[in-house]
Protein backbone atom coordinates (compact mmCIF):
# COMPACT_ATOMS: atom_id res chain seq x y z
CA MET A 1 0.00 0.00 0.00
CA ALA A 2 1.27 3.46 -0.90
CA ARG A 3 0.45 6.82 0.64
CA ILE A 4 -0.89 9.07 -2.12
CA LEU A 5 -1.80 12.73 -1.92
CA VAL A 6 -4.42 13.78 -4.48
CA GLY A 7 -4.56 17.51 -5.18
CA VAL A 8 -7.75 18.79 -6.79
CA THR A 9 -7.90 22.27 -8.30
CA GLY A 10 -10.76 24.46 -9.46
CA GLY A 11 -11.82 23.13 -12.82
CA ILE A 12 -15.03 21.50 -14.00
CA ALA A 13 -13.05 18.25 -14.27
CA ALA A 14 -12.90 18.16 -10.46
CA TYR A 15 -15.85 15.76 -10.58
CA LYS A 16 -13.59 13.23 -12.35
CA ALA A 17 -11.17 13.37 -9.43
CA CYS A 18 -13.85 11.63 -7.35
CA GLU A 19 -13.50 8.54 -9.53
CA LEU A 20 -9.70 8.77 -9.35
CA VAL A 21 -9.78 8.75 -5.55
CA ARG A 22 -12.16 5.80 -5.62
CA LEU A 23 -9.89 3.81 -7.97
CA LEU A 24 -6.79 4.46 -5.88
CA VAL A 25 -8.55 3.48 -2.66
CA ARG A 26 -9.92 0.33 -4.28
CA ALA A 27 -6.34 -0.56 -5.30
CA GLY A 28 -5.44 -0.54 -1.62
CA HIS A 29 -3.74 2.84 -1.27
CA ASP A 30 -3.99 5.33 1.58
CA VAL A 31 -5.33 8.43 -0.16
CA THR A 32 -5.35 11.93 1.29
CA PRO A 33 -7.28 14.52 -0.75
CA ILE A 34 -6.11 18.13 -0.82
CA THR A 35 -8.67 20.45 -2.37
CA THR A 36 -8.24 24.09 -3.27
CA HIS A 37 -10.97 26.65 -2.60
CA GLY A 38 -11.66 26.67 -6.34
CA ALA A 39 -12.14 22.90 -6.39
CA GLU A 40 -14.66 23.11 -3.56
CA ARG A 41 -16.83 25.38 -5.72
CA PHE A 42 -17.43 22.27 -7.88
CA VAL A 43 -17.18 19.35 -5.43
CA ALA A 44 -17.32 19.58 -1.64
CA ALA A 45 -14.21 18.49 0.25
CA GLU A 46 -16.40 16.12 2.29
CA THR A 47 -17.10 14.11 -0.88
CA PHE A 48 -13.41 13.38 -1.37
CA TRP A 49 -12.91 12.45 2.28
CA ALA A 50 -15.86 10.06 2.08
CA LEU A 51 -14.44 8.43 -1.05
CA ALA A 52 -11.03 8.21 0.66
CA ARG A 53 -12.82 6.35 3.51
CA LYS A 54 -11.36 8.53 6.23
CA GLU A 55 -12.09 11.55 8.36
CA PRO A 56 -10.35 14.87 7.68
CA PRO A 57 -7.13 14.68 9.71
CA ALA A 58 -6.56 16.77 12.79
CA ASP A 59 -3.10 17.49 11.39
CA SER A 60 -3.48 20.47 9.06
CA TYR A 61 0.02 20.09 7.60
CA PRO A 62 -0.04 17.13 5.18
CA HIS A 63 2.85 18.71 3.29
CA LEU A 64 5.10 17.90 6.26
CA GLN A 65 4.22 14.19 6.13
CA ASP A 66 6.03 11.70 3.91
CA ALA A 67 4.06 10.57 0.86
CA ASP A 68 4.93 8.12 -1.92
CA LEU A 69 3.22 10.12 -4.66
CA LEU A 70 1.51 13.46 -5.23
CA VAL A 71 -1.11 13.56 -7.98
CA VAL A 72 -2.72 16.83 -9.09
CA ALA A 73 -5.89 16.16 -11.09
CA PRO A 74 -7.30 18.28 -12.52
CA LEU A 75 -4.44 20.75 -12.82
CA THR A 76 -5.59 24.18 -13.97
CA ALA A 77 -3.39 26.61 -15.90
CA HIS A 78 -3.36 28.86 -12.82
CA THR A 79 -2.06 26.20 -10.45
CA LEU A 80 0.36 24.96 -13.09
CA ALA A 81 1.90 28.43 -13.19
CA ARG A 82 2.08 28.59 -9.39
CA LEU A 83 3.83 25.22 -9.23
CA ALA A 84 6.33 26.29 -11.86
CA LEU A 85 7.12 29.45 -9.88
CA GLY A 86 7.44 27.53 -6.62
CA LEU A 87 4.72 29.54 -4.89
CA ALA A 88 3.30 28.25 -1.62
CA ASP A 89 0.17 30.31 -1.10
CA ASP A 90 -2.28 27.53 -0.24
CA LEU A 91 -2.17 24.03 1.21
CA LEU A 92 -1.77 22.29 -2.17
CA THR A 93 1.15 24.41 -3.38
CA GLU A 94 2.78 24.17 0.05
CA THR A 95 2.46 20.40 -0.21
CA ALA A 96 3.93 20.34 -3.72
CA LEU A 97 6.88 22.49 -2.70
CA ALA A 98 7.71 20.25 0.27
CA HIS A 99 7.02 16.92 -1.50
CA ARG A 100 10.12 14.89 -2.39
CA GLY A 101 8.54 11.92 -4.16
CA PRO A 102 7.13 11.47 -7.67
CA LEU A 103 4.77 14.16 -8.96
CA LEU A 104 2.03 13.30 -11.46
CA LEU A 105 0.17 16.12 -13.20
CA ALA A 106 -3.12 15.80 -15.12
CA PRO A 107 -3.74 19.18 -16.82
CA ALA A 108 -7.26 20.30 -17.74
CA MET A 109 -8.14 23.61 -19.41
CA ASN A 110 -9.49 24.99 -22.66
CA THR A 111 -7.43 24.57 -25.80
CA ALA A 112 -6.31 28.19 -26.11
CA MET A 113 -4.97 28.17 -22.55
CA TRP A 114 -3.25 24.82 -23.05
CA GLU A 115 -1.54 25.93 -26.26
CA HIS A 116 -0.39 29.31 -24.91
CA PRO A 117 3.42 29.56 -24.81
CA ALA A 118 3.34 30.50 -21.13
CA THR A 119 1.49 27.29 -20.23
CA GLN A 120 3.82 25.16 -22.34
CA ALA A 121 6.88 26.84 -20.82
CA ASN A 122 5.57 26.27 -17.28
CA LEU A 123 4.87 22.62 -18.04
CA ALA A 124 8.29 22.13 -19.64
CA LEU A 125 9.93 23.55 -16.53
CA LEU A 126 8.09 21.11 -14.25
CA VAL A 127 8.90 18.17 -16.55
CA GLU A 128 12.55 19.22 -16.50
CA ARG A 129 12.40 19.06 -12.69
CA GLY A 130 11.08 15.50 -12.88
CA ALA A 131 7.29 15.79 -12.98
CA ASP A 132 5.35 13.23 -14.99
CA VAL A 133 2.39 14.36 -17.10
CA VAL A 134 -0.69 12.44 -18.25
CA GLY A 135 -2.93 14.07 -20.84
CA PRO A 136 -4.65 16.31 -21.58
CA ASP A 137 -6.82 14.46 -24.08
CA HIS A 138 -8.52 15.65 -27.23
CA GLY A 139 -12.30 15.79 -27.05
CA GLU A 140 -15.34 17.82 -26.07
CA LEU A 141 -14.57 20.54 -23.54
CA ALA A 142 -16.79 22.12 -20.90
CA GLU A 143 -17.65 25.13 -23.06
CA GLY A 144 -18.92 22.84 -25.82
CA LEU A 145 -15.89 23.17 -28.10
CA VAL A 146 -13.79 20.26 -29.30
CA GLY A 147 -10.04 20.41 -28.83
CA THR A 148 -7.12 19.48 -26.62
CA GLY A 149 -7.46 20.21 -22.93
CA ARG A 150 -9.77 17.53 -21.57
CA MET A 151 -8.42 15.87 -18.43
CA ALA A 152 -7.17 12.31 -18.92
CA GLU A 153 -9.63 9.67 -17.80
CA PRO A 154 -9.32 8.58 -14.15
CA ASP A 155 -8.36 5.00 -15.02
CA GLU A 156 -5.49 6.26 -17.18
CA ILE A 157 -4.28 8.51 -14.36
CA ALA A 158 -4.53 5.60 -11.91
CA ARG A 159 -2.47 3.36 -14.22
CA ARG A 160 0.21 6.01 -14.51
CA ALA A 161 0.23 6.41 -10.73
CA GLU A 162 0.82 2.68 -10.34
CA ALA A 163 3.71 2.84 -12.81
CA LEU A 164 5.31 5.69 -10.90
CA LEU A 165 4.94 3.81 -7.63
CA GLY A 166 6.85 0.92 -9.15
CA ARG A 167 4.08 -1.61 -8.75
CA SER A 168 3.73 -1.98 -12.51
CA ALA A 169 7.41 -2.92 -12.74
CA GLU A 170 6.62 -5.96 -10.60
CA ASN A 171 3.05 -6.85 -11.46
CA GLY A 172 2.12 -4.90 -14.58
CA ALA A 173 1.29 -6.24 -18.01
CA LEU A 174 4.81 -5.60 -19.32
CA ALA A 175 6.65 -7.04 -16.32
CA GLY A 176 9.14 -9.63 -17.58
CA LYS A 177 8.07 -9.20 -21.22
CA ARG A 178 10.75 -9.05 -23.89
CA VAL A 179 10.38 -5.72 -25.66
CA VAL A 180 12.37 -4.64 -28.72
CA VAL A 181 12.46 -0.93 -29.58
CA THR A 182 13.99 0.54 -32.73
CA ALA A 183 15.12 4.17 -32.53
CA GLY A 184 16.93 6.84 -34.49
CA GLY A 185 17.52 7.26 -38.21
CA THR A 186 19.43 4.89 -40.47
CA ARG A 187 22.23 6.17 -42.69
CA GLU A 188 22.82 4.61 -46.10
CA PRO A 189 26.44 5.15 -47.26
CA LEU A 190 27.30 6.79 -50.59
CA ASP A 191 31.01 6.34 -49.94
CA ASN A 192 33.09 5.96 -46.81
CA VAL A 193 32.35 9.58 -45.82
CA ARG A 194 28.94 10.59 -47.16
CA PHE A 195 25.54 9.06 -46.50
CA ILE A 196 21.82 9.50 -47.15
CA GLY A 197 20.01 9.99 -43.86
CA ASN A 198 17.15 11.74 -42.09
CA ARG A 199 16.53 14.10 -39.17
CA SER A 200 15.43 11.53 -36.60
CA SER A 201 17.21 12.03 -33.26
CA GLY A 202 15.95 8.84 -31.64
CA ARG A 203 14.23 10.71 -28.77
CA MET A 204 10.90 8.95 -29.26
CA GLY A 205 12.40 5.47 -29.36
CA VAL A 206 14.63 6.18 -26.37
CA ALA A 207 11.59 7.42 -24.42
CA LEU A 208 9.74 4.21 -25.30
CA ALA A 209 12.68 2.07 -24.18
CA ASP A 210 12.92 4.00 -20.91
CA ALA A 211 9.18 3.79 -20.26
CA ALA A 212 9.06 0.05 -21.03
CA ARG A 213 12.03 -0.57 -18.70
CA GLU A 214 10.23 1.43 -16.01
CA ARG A 215 7.26 -0.92 -16.39
CA GLY A 216 9.43 -3.98 -15.78
CA ALA A 217 10.08 -5.11 -19.35
CA VAL A 218 13.36 -6.64 -20.54
CA VAL A 219 14.25 -4.11 -23.21
CA THR A 220 16.53 -4.30 -26.25
CA LEU A 221 17.13 -1.00 -28.03
CA LEU A 222 18.17 -1.22 -31.68
CA ALA A 223 19.91 2.12 -32.03
CA ALA A 224 20.30 3.77 -35.43
CA ASN A 225 22.67 6.73 -34.97
CA LEU A 226 21.09 8.14 -31.81
CA GLN A 227 21.51 11.86 -31.15
CA VAL A 228 20.54 11.41 -27.49
CA ALA A 229 21.85 9.15 -24.75
CA ALA A 230 20.36 5.68 -24.43
CA PRO A 231 18.61 4.95 -21.11
CA GLU A 232 20.28 2.89 -18.42
CA GLY A 233 19.17 -0.68 -17.89
CA VAL A 234 18.49 -1.70 -21.49
CA GLU A 235 20.47 -3.80 -23.97
CA LEU A 236 21.91 -1.48 -26.63
CA VAL A 237 22.56 -2.83 -30.14
CA PRO A 238 23.94 -0.40 -32.78
CA THR A 239 22.13 -0.68 -36.12
CA PRO A 240 23.47 2.14 -38.33
CA THR A 241 21.94 1.07 -41.67
CA ALA A 242 18.56 -0.28 -42.74
CA ALA A 243 20.15 -3.66 -43.43
CA ASP A 244 21.70 -3.74 -39.95
CA LEU A 245 18.39 -2.85 -38.32
CA ARG A 246 16.49 -5.47 -40.31
CA ARG A 247 19.01 -8.19 -39.44
CA GLU A 248 18.97 -7.45 -35.71
CA ALA A 249 15.17 -7.02 -35.60
CA LEU A 250 14.55 -10.36 -37.33
CA ALA A 251 17.03 -12.02 -34.98
CA ARG A 252 14.69 -10.95 -32.16
CA ALA A 253 11.42 -11.58 -33.99
CA ASP A 254 10.13 -13.73 -31.13
CA ALA A 255 9.94 -10.80 -28.71
CA ASP A 256 6.64 -10.21 -26.93
CA VAL A 257 6.41 -6.61 -28.16
CA VAL A 258 8.22 -4.84 -31.00
CA LEU A 259 8.02 -1.04 -31.18
CA MET A 260 9.35 0.16 -34.54
CA ALA A 261 10.01 3.83 -33.84
CA ALA A 262 13.17 4.20 -35.96
CA ALA A 263 13.07 6.23 -39.16
CA VAL A 264 14.34 3.54 -41.51
CA ALA A 265 15.48 4.69 -44.95
CA ASP A 266 13.07 3.76 -47.73
CA TYR A 267 15.88 3.85 -50.31
CA ARG A 268 19.62 3.25 -50.38
CA PRO A 269 22.28 3.87 -53.05
CA SER A 270 22.57 0.95 -55.45
CA GLU A 271 26.30 0.99 -54.79
CA SER A 272 28.53 2.45 -52.10
CA LEU A 273 32.07 3.53 -52.96
CA PRO A 274 34.81 2.12 -50.70
CA THR A 275 36.62 5.49 -50.60
CA LYS A 276 35.60 9.13 -50.73
CA ARG A 277 34.49 10.31 -54.16
CA PRO A 278 36.58 13.38 -55.03
CA LYS A 279 34.69 16.63 -55.51
CA SER A 280 34.46 17.81 -59.10
CA SER A 281 32.44 20.18 -61.26
CA GLU A 282 30.56 17.26 -62.79
CA PRO A 283 27.07 16.26 -61.53
CA TRP A 284 26.85 13.14 -59.42
CA THR A 285 23.86 11.03 -60.36
CA ILE A 286 22.89 8.54 -57.68
CA ASP A 287 20.77 5.47 -58.37
CA LEU A 288 18.52 4.64 -55.41
CA VAL A 289 16.93 1.25 -54.80
CA PRO A 290 14.28 0.35 -52.19
CA THR A 291 15.39 -1.07 -48.85
CA ALA A 292 13.73 -4.15 -47.41
CA ASP A 293 10.66 -3.31 -45.30
CA VAL A 294 11.41 -4.26 -41.69
CA ALA A 295 7.82 -3.91 -40.44
CA ARG A 296 6.47 -6.04 -43.29
CA ALA A 297 9.05 -8.75 -42.60
CA LEU A 298 8.19 -8.85 -38.90
CA GLY A 299 4.47 -8.89 -39.67
CA ALA A 300 4.90 -11.82 -42.05
CA SER A 301 6.73 -13.90 -39.44
CA ARG A 302 4.86 -12.83 -36.30
CA ARG A 303 3.85 -15.36 -33.71
CA GLN A 304 0.53 -15.67 -31.91
CA GLY A 305 0.15 -13.28 -28.99
CA GLN A 306 2.89 -10.95 -30.16
CA VAL A 307 2.18 -7.19 -30.34
CA LEU A 308 3.72 -5.27 -33.25
CA VAL A 309 3.70 -1.48 -33.35
CA ALA A 310 4.66 0.48 -36.46
CA PHE A 311 5.39 4.21 -36.56
CA GLY A 312 4.65 6.50 -39.46
CA ALA A 313 5.90 10.03 -40.04
CA GLU A 314 3.98 11.77 -42.81
CA SER A 315 1.97 14.95 -43.36
CA GLY A 316 -1.74 15.75 -43.19
CA SER A 317 -4.87 13.66 -43.65
CA ASP A 318 -3.49 11.80 -46.67
CA GLY A 319 -0.58 10.60 -44.56
CA LEU A 320 -2.97 9.43 -41.84
CA ALA A 321 -4.99 7.47 -44.42
CA ARG A 322 -1.82 5.69 -45.54
CA LYS A 323 -1.02 4.81 -41.94
CA ARG A 324 -4.48 3.26 -41.50
CA ALA A 325 -3.72 0.95 -44.39
CA MET A 326 -0.54 -0.26 -42.64
CA LEU A 327 -2.60 -2.25 -40.12
CA THR A 328 -3.50 -4.72 -42.85
CA ASP A 329 -0.64 -4.20 -45.31
CA LYS A 330 2.03 -4.92 -42.72
CA ASN A 331 0.00 -7.06 -40.30
CA VAL A 332 0.63 -4.93 -37.22
CA ASP A 333 -1.59 -4.26 -34.22
CA LEU A 334 -1.02 -0.54 -33.77
CA VAL A 335 0.23 2.32 -35.95
CA VAL A 336 1.52 5.51 -34.34
CA TYR A 337 1.15 8.45 -36.72
CA ASN A 338 2.83 11.79 -36.22
CA ASP A 339 2.53 14.72 -38.59
CA VAL A 340 6.02 15.85 -39.59
CA GLY A 341 4.51 18.78 -41.47
CA ARG A 342 4.35 20.57 -38.12
CA GLY A 343 7.45 22.29 -36.80
CA ASP A 344 6.59 22.06 -33.09
CA ILE A 345 6.57 18.26 -32.76
CA GLY A 346 8.38 15.21 -34.10
CA PHE A 347 11.90 15.54 -35.49
CA ASP A 348 14.27 17.83 -33.55
CA SER A 349 11.65 18.39 -30.85
CA ALA A 350 11.34 17.22 -27.25
CA ASP A 351 7.54 17.04 -27.72
CA ASN A 352 5.25 15.02 -29.90
CA GLU A 353 1.57 14.62 -30.74
CA VAL A 354 0.37 11.38 -32.27
CA VAL A 355 -2.67 9.49 -33.46
CA LEU A 356 -2.91 5.89 -32.27
CA VAL A 357 -4.50 3.80 -35.01
CA SER A 358 -5.72 0.30 -34.19
CA ARG A 359 -8.42 -2.03 -35.44
CA GLY A 360 -10.53 -0.87 -32.51
CA GLY A 361 -10.45 2.78 -33.56
CA GLU A 362 -8.29 5.88 -33.36
CA ARG A 363 -7.21 8.09 -30.49
CA ILE A 364 -5.37 11.41 -30.53
CA VAL A 365 -2.67 11.79 -27.88
CA ALA A 366 -2.30 15.53 -27.46
CA LYS A 367 1.00 17.36 -27.57
CA ALA A 368 3.21 16.42 -24.62
CA SER A 369 6.75 15.39 -23.82
CA LYS A 370 7.95 12.33 -25.69
CA LEU A 371 8.17 10.41 -22.42
CA ALA A 372 4.51 11.17 -21.72
CA ILE A 373 3.64 10.12 -25.28
CA ALA A 374 5.65 6.92 -24.77
CA HIS A 375 3.60 6.02 -21.69
CA ALA A 376 0.36 6.65 -23.61
CA ILE A 377 1.57 4.31 -26.36
CA LEU A 378 2.51 1.63 -23.83
CA ASP A 379 -0.91 1.93 -22.16
CA GLU A 380 -2.37 1.03 -25.56
CA VAL A 381 0.15 -1.79 -26.03
CA GLU A 382 -0.75 -3.30 -22.67
CA SER A 383 -4.43 -3.33 -23.67
CA LEU A 384 -3.48 -5.36 -26.79
CA LEU A 385 -1.59 -8.10 -24.95
CA PRO A 386 -3.39 -11.47 -24.87
CA GLU A 387 -3.83 -11.42 -21.09
CA ALA A 388 -5.72 -8.12 -21.36
CA SER A 389 -8.42 -9.61 -23.58
């Protein structure tokens, strides 16, 4: 049993926090609610204490007590800014400032507030300090509009809380599973100096490997020219070219889960010179030939119960339509689509926004850090494992 503090701030989504408290209590945790005055305009503090199955404590300083986890759900833009500044002007912000354990934030606000640079800067600062973020989701908002800003569902927040507490590493769906992650961008040599490559840094794949390790998986990271450090606690296998990545992926084709996040070259030079081609005034015409499709090869040889996840970086609605077709064309369970036509996500960015495409439907995961996106993807993966059905 863990001791969890649940902070509730003054948004309409405060009613959802009731279900979150109930889920955490049902899981066996000792839950202490901390409501702001704004939250109590929507839901009375007594409701949360009743759901926590306890009386309000005589001790009015919960921020001075040790806790295993602090969850703030919903987190308004106002409180987000106060947390980023380190203010301590009410019980919740005092608690957050004194808390030394994991911090889980579930933002909820209208789309314009969520997308404002000030909000994104405040969130980035808290993530840099170690906070974990779940949501917000895309959907209908309180004012009747549709956009990003809806608080993540209570069961998703509860799952993330369990992962942060470490229980998922022991008992979760990925515990002990063999997970292969491909990351980075392959480079296809023109000669022994030059190559054809792409802008992938490997951040998304590294985040997936880190998140899967955190959930107790045995992780192998097939690394194609990473521009970021690989996480600790995973097996690292360099795979600089498409051929290298295909060989190493097929050698591990019996893994329980394969997450194909690497940007694998679609074409390679028909020949590669053994030495540097001297510069001259003459044009250099390069003949490109298709590389072997790694996802298709894994899909063709997949075993029963295995979960295969393909990633697709394209632009616009046409690109999304092509990713939908990959479910059948490549025999995978999940396709993760991100729009590389946008400059604020994807390549060269610490953030991402994706659409999860499965045979059961589609779900937008709103813009967030790549680690937060990785956890959202793994939540979907866990729901696809045989034991989840």
